[in-house]
C-alpha atoms as a PDB file:
ATOM      1  CA  ASN A   1       0.095  -0.134   0.070  1.00  0.00           C
ATOM      2  CA  GLY A   2       1.258   2.722  -1.344  1.00  0.00           C
ATOM      3  CA  ASP A   3       0.358   5.565   1.700  1.00  0.00           C
ATOM      4  CA  TYR A   4       1.571   2.852   4.199  1.00  0.00           C
ATOM      5  CA  MET A   5       5.192   3.272   2.565  1.00  0.00           C
ATOM      6  CA  LYS A   6       4.895   7.223   2.473  1.00  0.00           C
ATOM      7  CA  LYS A   7       4.316   6.783   6.495  1.00  0.00           C
ATOM      8  CA  VAL A   8       7.136   4.219   7.304  1.00  0.00           C
ATOM      9  CA  PHE A   9       9.947   6.894   4.551  1.00  0.00           C
ATOM     10  CA  LYS A  10       8.552   9.647   6.551  1.00  0.00           C
ATOM     11  CA  THR A  11       8.647   8.224  10.136  1.00  0.00           C
ATOM     12  CA  GLY A  12      11.785   6.139   9.333  1.00  0.00           C
ATOM     13  CA  LEU A  13      14.411   8.120   7.061  1.00  0.00           C
ATOM     14  CA  LYS A  14      16.070  11.290   6.840  1.00  0.00           C
ATOM     15  CA  LYS A  15      16.903  12.494   3.193  1.00  0.00           C
ATOM     16  CA  THR A  16      19.119  15.207   2.484  1.00  0.00           C
ATOM     17  CA  ARG A  17      20.470  16.319  -0.735  1.00  0.00           C
ATOM     18  CA  GLU A  18      23.742  14.251  -0.112  1.00  0.00           C
ATOM     19  CA  HIS A  19      22.747  11.409   1.659  1.00  0.00           C
ATOM     20  CA  ILE A  20      19.796   9.554   3.489  1.00  0.00           C
ATOM     21  CA  SER A  21      20.101   8.751   7.684  1.00  0.00           C
ATOM     22  CA  LEU A  22      18.025   5.778   8.973  1.00  0.00           C
ATOM     23  CA  PHE A  23      17.302   6.762  13.130  1.00  0.00           C
ATOM     24  CA  GLY A  24      15.818   4.859  15.943  1.00  0.00           C
ATOM     25  CA  ILE A  25      17.240   1.478  16.686  1.00  0.00           C
ATOM     26  CA  GLY A  26      17.611   2.363  20.717  1.00  0.00           C
ATOM     27  CA  ASP A  27      19.821   1.052  22.803  1.00  0.00           C
ATOM     28  CA  GLU A  28      19.752   1.225  26.679  1.00  0.00           C
ATOM     29  CA  VAL A  29      23.016   1.719  28.192  1.00  0.00           C
ATOM     30  CA  SER A  30      23.734  -0.222  31.833  1.00  0.00           C
ATOM     31  CA  ASP A  31      26.356   1.699  33.506  1.00  0.00           C
ATOM     32  CA  ALA A  32      24.531   4.888  32.191  1.00  0.00           C
ATOM     33  CA  ALA A  33      21.700   6.611  33.054  1.00  0.00           C
ATOM     34  CA  SER A  34      21.531   7.509  29.411  1.00  0.00           C
ATOM     35  CA  THR A  35      20.343   6.228  26.239  1.00  0.00           C
ATOM     36  CA  CYS A  36      22.334   5.586  23.681  1.00  0.00           C
ATOM     37  CA  ARG A  37      21.145   5.296  19.767  1.00  0.00           C
ATOM     38  CA  THR A  38      22.360   3.369  16.715  1.00  0.00           C
ATOM     39  CA  ASN A  39      22.849   5.618  13.694  1.00  0.00           C
ATOM     40  CA  ILE A  40      22.993   4.291   9.591  1.00  0.00           C
ATOM     41  CA  THR A  41      23.724   6.819   7.788  1.00  0.00           C
ATOM     42  CA  LEU A  42      23.683   5.374   3.648  1.00  0.00           C
ATOM     43  CA  TYR A  43      25.377   7.240   1.005  1.00  0.00           C
ATOM     44  CA  ASP A  44      23.802   6.044  -1.855  1.00  0.00           C
ATOM     45  CA  ASN A  45      24.023   1.969  -2.085  1.00  0.00           C
ATOM     46  CA  HIS A  46      27.998   2.123  -1.991  1.00  0.00           C
ATOM     47  CA  GLU A  47      29.054   3.552   1.743  1.00  0.00           C
ATOM     48  CA  ALA A  48      27.394   3.095   4.958  1.00  0.00           C
ATOM     49  CA  HIS A  49      28.699   4.708   8.263  1.00  0.00           C
ATOM     50  CA  ILE A  50      27.448   2.877  11.782  1.00  0.00           C
ATOM     51  CA  GLU A  51      27.384   4.305  14.980  1.00  0.00           C
ATOM     52  CA  GLY A  52      26.785   3.131  18.114  1.00  0.00           C
ATOM     53  CA  PHE A  53      26.499  -0.719  17.932  1.00  0.00           C
ATOM     54  CA  LYS A  54      27.822  -3.470  20.052  1.00  0.00           C
ATOM     55  CA  ASN A  55      29.712  -6.019  18.027  1.00  0.00           C
ATOM     56  CA  ILE A  56      30.365  -7.400  14.832  1.00  0.00           C
ATOM     57  CA  ILE A  57      28.424 -10.816  14.786  1.00  0.00           C
ATOM     58  CA  GLU A  58      29.971 -11.742  11.100  1.00  0.00           C
ATOM     59  CA  TYR A  59      32.252 -10.293   8.391  1.00  0.00           C
ATOM     60  CA  THR A  60      32.062 -11.714   5.104  1.00  0.00           C
ATOM     61  CA  ASP A  61      32.716  -9.674   1.918  1.00  0.00           C
ATOM     62  CA  VAL A  62      28.962 -10.189   0.762  1.00  0.00           C
ATOM     63  CA  LEU A  63      27.404  -9.934   4.256  1.00  0.00           C
ATOM     64  CA  VAL A  64      28.027  -7.871   7.604  1.00  0.00           C
ATOM     65  CA  LYS A  65      25.875  -8.465  10.424  1.00  0.00           C
ATOM     66  CA  LEU A  66      26.195  -6.667  13.248  1.00  0.00           C
ATOM     67  CA  ASN A  67      25.042  -6.625  17.548  1.00  0.00           C
ATOM     68  CA  LEU A  68      22.994  -3.360  18.027  1.00  0.00           C
ATOM     69  CA  GLY A  69      22.199  -4.078  21.891  1.00  0.00           C
ATOM     70  CA  LYS A  70      18.439  -4.778  21.956  1.00  0.00           C
ATOM     71  CA  GLY A  71      18.481  -6.927  17.743  1.00  0.00           C
ATOM     72  CA  CYS A  72      20.905  -6.645  15.007  1.00  0.00           C
ATOM     73  CA  VAL A  73      20.883  -5.151  11.452  1.00  0.00           C
ATOM     74  CA  THR A  74      22.399  -6.958   8.253  1.00  0.00           C
ATOM     75  CA  PHE A  75      23.913  -5.726   5.100  1.00  0.00           C
ATOM     76  CA  TYR A  76      23.580  -7.799   2.186  1.00  0.00           C
ATOM     77  CA  GLY A  77      26.204  -6.927  -0.711  1.00  0.00           C
ATOM     78  CA  THR A  78      29.101  -7.252  -2.505  1.00  0.00           C
ATOM     79  CA  GLU A  79      32.485  -6.309  -2.035  1.00  0.00           C
ATOM     80  CA  LEU A  80      31.690  -5.189   1.695  1.00  0.00           C
ATOM     81  CA  GLU A  81      34.638  -4.041   3.596  1.00  0.00           C
ATOM     82  CA  ILE A  82      34.894  -2.402   6.383  1.00  0.00           C
ATOM     83  CA  THR A  83      37.233   0.639   6.049  1.00  0.00           C
ATOM     84  CA  MET A  84      37.070   2.303   9.086  1.00  0.00           C
ATOM     85  CA  LEU A  85      36.776   0.389  12.512  1.00  0.00           C
ATOM     86  CA  SER A  86      36.672   2.163  16.126  1.00  0.00           C
ATOM     87  CA  ASP A  87      34.718   1.670  19.477  1.00  0.00           C
ATOM     88  CA  ALA A  88      31.511   1.599  18.164  1.00  0.00           C
ATOM     89  CA  GLN A  89      31.723   3.401  14.803  1.00  0.00           C
ATOM     90  CA  LEU A  90      32.387   1.342  11.610  1.00  0.00           C
ATOM     91  CA  THR A  91      32.626   2.752   7.988  1.00  0.00           C
ATOM     92  CA  LEU A  92      31.132  -0.039   5.329  1.00  0.00           C
ATOM     93  CA  LYS A  93      32.023  -0.108   1.957  1.00  0.00           C
ATOM     94  CA  GLY A  94      30.956  -2.225  -1.095  1.00  0.00           C
ATOM     95  CA  THR A  95      28.275  -2.526  -3.828  1.00  0.00           C
ATOM     96  CA  ILE A  96      24.764  -2.654  -0.644  1.00  0.00           C
ATOM     97  CA  ASN A  97      22.176  -4.388  -1.991  1.00  0.00           C
ATOM     98  CA  ASN A  98      19.829  -5.124   0.938  1.00  0.00           C
ATOM     99  CA  LEU A  99      20.091  -4.578   4.826  1.00  0.00           C
ATOM    100  CA  GLU A 100      17.787  -6.304   7.690  1.00  0.00           C
ATOM    101  CA  PHE A 101      16.942  -5.251  10.950  1.00  0.00           C
ATOM    102  CA  CYS A 102      16.433  -8.385  12.878  1.00  0.00           C
END
């Protein structure tokens, strides 16, 4: 249904001229009273920047699965490569064909 998809995209995506950002996977930090969020920023289908993930569950050149604390996200594609990795941030490059929240 077109109306349903418009609502999903309207509340779930923030589109700018340069990229599309997906927000909203909440994750409580047990040591602090504050809430940490996972932010995923997609640059076309060739790059993704992820902030606030817990750890890497699986990593191959066609699949990258990340633990978000209260769920996970899996990126599917070809020639996937983690080009930057620090504490709770990473940059994924390659051709991203699909992503799935689980």
